[in-house]
N, C-alpha and C. Protein backbone atom coordinates (compact mmCIF):
# COMPACT_ATOMS: atom_id res chain seq x y z
N UNK A 1 -3.20 -1.12 8.46
CA UNK A 1 -2.37 -0.81 9.60
C UNK A 1 -2.63 0.63 10.02
N UNK A 2 -2.74 0.88 11.29
CA UNK A 2 -2.96 2.22 11.84
C UNK A 2 -4.25 2.85 11.31
N UNK A 3 -5.24 2.04 10.94
CA UNK A 3 -6.51 2.57 10.47
C UNK A 3 -6.51 3.04 9.04
N UNK A 4 -5.46 2.76 8.30
CA UNK A 4 -5.37 3.19 6.90
C UNK A 4 -5.64 1.97 6.02
N UNK A 5 -6.62 2.09 5.15
CA UNK A 5 -6.99 0.99 4.26
C UNK A 5 -6.14 1.06 3.00
N UNK A 6 -4.99 0.42 3.05
CA UNK A 6 -4.08 0.41 1.91
C UNK A 6 -4.17 -0.94 1.21
N UNK A 7 -3.80 -0.98 -0.06
CA UNK A 7 -3.82 -2.26 -0.76
C UNK A 7 -2.79 -3.23 -0.15
N UNK A 8 -3.08 -4.50 -0.32
CA UNK A 8 -2.11 -5.51 0.09
C UNK A 8 -0.90 -5.42 -0.84
N UNK A 9 0.24 -5.84 -0.36
CA UNK A 9 1.47 -5.77 -1.17
C UNK A 9 1.28 -6.47 -2.51
N UNK A 10 0.57 -7.58 -2.52
CA UNK A 10 0.37 -8.33 -3.77
C UNK A 10 -0.50 -7.58 -4.77
N UNK A 11 -1.20 -6.53 -4.33
CA UNK A 11 -2.05 -5.75 -5.22
C UNK A 11 -1.33 -4.54 -5.83
N UNK A 12 -0.11 -4.29 -5.40
CA UNK A 12 0.64 -3.16 -5.93
C UNK A 12 1.22 -3.50 -7.30
N UNK A 13 1.33 -2.50 -8.14
CA UNK A 13 1.78 -2.68 -9.52
C UNK A 13 3.14 -3.37 -9.60
N UNK A 14 4.05 -3.02 -8.74
CA UNK A 14 5.41 -3.54 -8.85
C UNK A 14 5.62 -4.89 -8.16
N UNK A 15 4.60 -5.41 -7.50
CA UNK A 15 4.75 -6.66 -6.76
C UNK A 15 5.10 -7.81 -7.71
N UNK A 16 6.21 -8.47 -7.43
CA UNK A 16 6.70 -9.61 -8.22
C UNK A 16 6.88 -9.29 -9.70
N UNK A 17 7.18 -8.02 -10.01
CA UNK A 17 7.46 -7.64 -11.40
C UNK A 17 8.85 -7.02 -11.47
N UNK A 18 9.52 -7.24 -12.58
CA UNK A 18 10.82 -6.61 -12.80
C UNK A 18 10.59 -5.15 -13.18
N UNK A 19 11.67 -4.36 -13.16
CA UNK A 19 11.55 -2.96 -13.58
C UNK A 19 11.00 -2.86 -15.00
N UNK A 20 11.48 -3.72 -15.88
CA UNK A 20 10.99 -3.69 -17.26
C UNK A 20 9.50 -4.03 -17.32
N UNK A 21 9.06 -5.02 -16.55
CA UNK A 21 7.64 -5.39 -16.55
C UNK A 21 6.78 -4.26 -16.02
N UNK A 22 7.23 -3.56 -14.98
CA UNK A 22 6.48 -2.42 -14.45
C UNK A 22 6.42 -1.31 -15.48
N UNK A 23 7.55 -1.03 -16.10
CA UNK A 23 7.61 0.02 -17.13
C UNK A 23 6.62 -0.27 -18.24
N UNK A 24 6.59 -1.49 -18.72
CA UNK A 24 5.66 -1.88 -19.78
C UNK A 24 4.22 -1.80 -19.30
N UNK A 25 3.98 -2.24 -18.07
CA UNK A 25 2.62 -2.25 -17.51
C UNK A 25 2.04 -0.84 -17.43
N UNK A 26 2.87 0.13 -17.01
CA UNK A 26 2.37 1.50 -16.87
C UNK A 26 2.54 2.32 -18.15
N UNK A 27 3.14 1.72 -19.17
CA UNK A 27 3.29 2.40 -20.45
C UNK A 27 4.32 3.51 -20.45
N UNK A 28 5.38 3.33 -19.67
CA UNK A 28 6.43 4.36 -19.57
C UNK A 28 7.60 4.00 -20.48
N UNK A 29 8.27 5.03 -20.97
CA UNK A 29 9.48 4.82 -21.76
C UNK A 29 10.65 4.42 -20.87
N UNK A 30 10.69 5.02 -19.67
CA UNK A 30 11.76 4.72 -18.71
C UNK A 30 11.16 4.64 -17.31
N UNK A 31 11.83 3.92 -16.45
CA UNK A 31 11.41 3.81 -15.06
C UNK A 31 12.65 3.90 -14.19
N UNK A 32 12.62 4.81 -13.25
CA UNK A 32 13.75 4.99 -12.34
C UNK A 32 13.22 4.95 -10.91
N UNK A 33 13.78 4.07 -10.11
CA UNK A 33 13.41 4.01 -8.70
C UNK A 33 14.39 4.86 -7.90
N UNK A 34 13.86 5.58 -6.93
CA UNK A 34 14.70 6.37 -6.03
C UNK A 34 14.88 5.56 -4.75
N UNK A 35 16.11 5.45 -4.25
CA UNK A 35 16.27 4.69 -3.02
C UNK A 35 15.78 5.53 -1.83
N UNK A 36 15.47 4.84 -0.76
CA UNK A 36 14.84 5.47 0.40
C UNK A 36 15.71 6.56 1.02
N UNK A 37 17.00 6.32 1.11
CA UNK A 37 17.90 7.32 1.70
C UNK A 37 17.88 8.62 0.90
N UNK A 38 17.86 8.51 -0.44
CA UNK A 38 17.80 9.71 -1.28
C UNK A 38 16.47 10.44 -1.12
N UNK A 39 15.38 9.68 -0.99
CA UNK A 39 14.07 10.29 -0.78
C UNK A 39 14.05 11.09 0.52
N UNK A 40 14.56 10.50 1.58
CA UNK A 40 14.61 11.18 2.88
C UNK A 40 15.49 12.43 2.79
N UNK A 41 16.64 12.32 2.15
CA UNK A 41 17.54 13.47 2.00
C UNK A 41 16.87 14.60 1.23
N UNK A 42 16.14 14.26 0.17
CA UNK A 42 15.47 15.29 -0.63
C UNK A 42 14.39 16.00 0.17
N UNK A 43 13.62 15.25 0.95
CA UNK A 43 12.57 15.86 1.75
C UNK A 43 13.17 16.74 2.84
N UNK A 44 14.24 16.27 3.47
CA UNK A 44 14.90 17.08 4.49
C UNK A 44 15.46 18.37 3.90
N UNK A 45 16.02 18.27 2.71
CA UNK A 45 16.60 19.45 2.06
C UNK A 45 15.54 20.50 1.79
N UNK A 46 14.41 20.08 1.26
CA UNK A 46 13.36 21.04 0.88
C UNK A 46 12.33 21.24 1.98
N UNK A 47 12.26 20.35 2.95
CA UNK A 47 11.28 20.46 4.01
C UNK A 47 11.80 21.16 5.25
N UNK A 48 13.06 21.44 5.27
CA UNK A 48 13.63 22.10 6.43
C UNK A 48 14.17 21.11 7.43
N UNK A 49 14.86 21.61 8.40
CA UNK A 49 15.52 20.74 9.39
C UNK A 49 14.61 20.40 10.56
N UNK A 50 13.36 20.85 10.54
CA UNK A 50 12.44 20.55 11.65
C UNK A 50 12.08 19.07 11.70
N UNK A 51 12.21 18.39 10.59
CA UNK A 51 11.84 16.98 10.53
C UNK A 51 12.96 16.14 11.14
N UNK A 52 12.60 15.38 12.17
CA UNK A 52 13.60 14.55 12.85
C UNK A 52 13.56 13.10 12.40
N UNK A 53 12.35 12.61 12.11
CA UNK A 53 12.20 11.20 11.76
C UNK A 53 11.02 11.04 10.80
N UNK A 54 11.16 10.13 9.87
CA UNK A 54 10.10 9.84 8.92
C UNK A 54 9.50 8.47 9.20
N UNK A 55 8.21 8.34 8.95
CA UNK A 55 7.59 7.02 8.99
C UNK A 55 7.71 6.45 7.58
N UNK A 56 8.64 5.56 7.40
CA UNK A 56 8.89 4.97 6.08
C UNK A 56 8.39 3.53 6.01
N UNK A 57 7.46 3.18 6.88
CA UNK A 57 7.01 1.80 7.00
C UNK A 57 6.44 1.24 5.71
N UNK A 58 5.78 2.06 4.90
CA UNK A 58 5.22 1.54 3.66
C UNK A 58 6.31 1.16 2.66
N UNK A 59 7.52 1.67 2.87
CA UNK A 59 8.64 1.36 1.99
C UNK A 59 9.53 0.25 2.54
N UNK A 60 9.77 0.28 3.84
CA UNK A 60 10.75 -0.65 4.40
C UNK A 60 10.18 -1.66 5.40
N UNK A 61 8.89 -1.55 5.73
CA UNK A 61 8.27 -2.50 6.64
C UNK A 61 8.63 -2.29 8.10
N UNK A 62 9.33 -1.21 8.44
CA UNK A 62 9.68 -0.91 9.83
C UNK A 62 8.65 0.05 10.41
N UNK A 63 7.67 -0.51 11.11
CA UNK A 63 6.58 0.29 11.67
C UNK A 63 7.00 0.90 12.99
N UNK A 64 6.62 2.16 13.21
CA UNK A 64 7.09 2.91 14.38
C UNK A 64 6.65 2.28 15.70
N UNK A 65 5.53 1.58 15.72
CA UNK A 65 5.08 0.96 16.96
C UNK A 65 5.83 -0.32 17.29
N UNK A 66 6.51 -0.88 16.29
CA UNK A 66 7.30 -2.07 16.51
C UNK A 66 6.51 -3.35 16.69
N UNK A 67 5.19 -3.30 16.51
CA UNK A 67 4.38 -4.49 16.76
C UNK A 67 3.66 -5.00 15.51
N UNK A 68 4.09 -4.60 14.35
CA UNK A 68 3.47 -5.05 13.11
C UNK A 68 4.37 -6.12 12.49
N UNK A 69 3.92 -7.36 12.58
CA UNK A 69 4.73 -8.48 12.09
C UNK A 69 4.34 -8.84 10.66
N UNK A 70 5.18 -9.64 10.04
CA UNK A 70 4.89 -10.14 8.69
C UNK A 70 3.60 -10.96 8.71
N UNK A 71 3.41 -11.75 9.76
CA UNK A 71 2.20 -12.56 9.89
C UNK A 71 0.96 -11.68 9.98
N UNK A 72 1.04 -10.57 10.71
CA UNK A 72 -0.08 -9.64 10.82
C UNK A 72 -0.44 -9.07 9.46
N UNK A 73 0.57 -8.68 8.68
CA UNK A 73 0.33 -8.12 7.35
C UNK A 73 -0.28 -9.17 6.42
N UNK A 74 0.16 -10.41 6.54
CA UNK A 74 -0.43 -11.48 5.73
C UNK A 74 -1.89 -11.68 6.08
N UNK A 75 -2.22 -11.63 7.37
CA UNK A 75 -3.61 -11.78 7.81
C UNK A 75 -4.46 -10.63 7.28
N UNK A 76 -3.93 -9.41 7.34
CA UNK A 76 -4.65 -8.26 6.78
C UNK A 76 -4.91 -8.46 5.29
N UNK A 77 -3.92 -8.98 4.60
CA UNK A 77 -4.08 -9.21 3.16
C UNK A 77 -5.22 -10.18 2.90
N UNK A 78 -5.29 -11.23 3.69
CA UNK A 78 -6.36 -12.21 3.51
C UNK A 78 -7.74 -11.60 3.77
N UNK A 79 -7.81 -10.70 4.73
CA UNK A 79 -9.10 -10.12 5.12
C UNK A 79 -9.52 -8.91 4.29
N UNK A 80 -8.54 -8.12 3.82
CA UNK A 80 -8.89 -6.83 3.24
C UNK A 80 -8.50 -6.64 1.78
N UNK A 81 -7.95 -7.62 1.14
CA UNK A 81 -7.57 -7.46 -0.26
C UNK A 81 -8.81 -7.28 -1.12
N UNK A 82 -8.63 -6.79 -2.33
CA UNK A 82 -9.75 -6.61 -3.24
C UNK A 82 -10.49 -7.92 -3.48
N UNK A 83 -9.75 -9.01 -3.62
CA UNK A 83 -10.41 -10.30 -3.86
C UNK A 83 -11.22 -10.74 -2.64
N UNK A 84 -10.73 -10.46 -1.43
CA UNK A 84 -11.48 -10.80 -0.22
C UNK A 84 -12.75 -9.96 -0.13
N UNK A 85 -12.66 -8.69 -0.49
CA UNK A 85 -13.84 -7.82 -0.46
C UNK A 85 -14.90 -8.30 -1.44
N UNK A 86 -14.48 -8.78 -2.60
CA UNK A 86 -15.44 -9.29 -3.59
C UNK A 86 -16.15 -10.53 -3.06
N UNK A 87 -15.43 -11.36 -2.32
CA UNK A 87 -16.03 -12.58 -1.78
C UNK A 87 -17.06 -12.28 -0.71
N UNK A 88 -16.90 -11.16 0.01
CA UNK A 88 -17.76 -10.91 1.15
C UNK A 88 -18.87 -9.90 0.88
N UNK A 89 -18.93 -9.32 -0.31
CA UNK A 89 -19.99 -8.36 -0.59
C UNK A 89 -21.31 -9.11 -0.77
N UNK A 90 -22.32 -8.64 -0.07
CA UNK A 90 -23.63 -9.28 -0.13
C UNK A 90 -24.51 -8.58 -1.15
N UNK A 91 -25.44 -9.33 -1.69
CA UNK A 91 -26.44 -8.77 -2.58
C UNK A 91 -27.33 -7.84 -1.75
N UNK A 92 -27.55 -6.58 -2.18
CA UNK A 92 -28.36 -5.64 -1.39
C UNK A 92 -29.74 -6.16 -1.06
N UNK A 93 -30.34 -6.96 -1.93
CA UNK A 93 -31.68 -7.48 -1.65
C UNK A 93 -31.65 -8.49 -0.51
N UNK A 94 -30.53 -9.16 -0.33
CA UNK A 94 -30.41 -10.14 0.74
C UNK A 94 -30.37 -9.46 2.10
N UNK A 95 -29.75 -8.30 2.18
CA UNK A 95 -29.64 -7.62 3.47
C UNK A 95 -30.74 -6.58 3.67
N UNK A 96 -31.72 -6.56 2.78
CA UNK A 96 -32.90 -5.73 2.99
C UNK A 96 -32.75 -4.28 2.61
N UNK A 97 -31.85 -3.95 1.72
CA UNK A 97 -31.73 -2.57 1.27
C UNK A 97 -32.56 -2.42 0.00
N UNK A 98 -33.59 -1.62 0.09
CA UNK A 98 -34.47 -1.44 -1.06
C UNK A 98 -34.67 0.04 -1.31
N UNK A 99 -34.85 0.39 -2.56
CA UNK A 99 -35.13 1.77 -2.94
C UNK A 99 -36.42 1.75 -3.73
N UNK A 100 -37.48 2.25 -3.12
CA UNK A 100 -38.78 2.25 -3.76
C UNK A 100 -39.10 3.57 -4.44
N UNK A 101 -38.11 4.41 -4.64
CA UNK A 101 -38.34 5.73 -5.24
C UNK A 101 -38.74 5.62 -6.69
């Protein structure tokens, strides 16, 4: 989205995992999630009052352009996920890339 190649939601560590499962997966003794409102308040406090609005779309799915639908994100996942990239990578010899050095 917006030209940024980010992982699909299903590729993120916390996707479909409980807090305990994420904690175990990353090898942490404790795991604490900060809610979005607290994150915004902390940044405003230390970032100054010049900030009027944050793009929090990666956290809440509300994209500033208003035209990014769930279906669009699903299509991106199908096209750009790590598994999709593995399926579409060609053998260098097939596409004529050779190194004769």
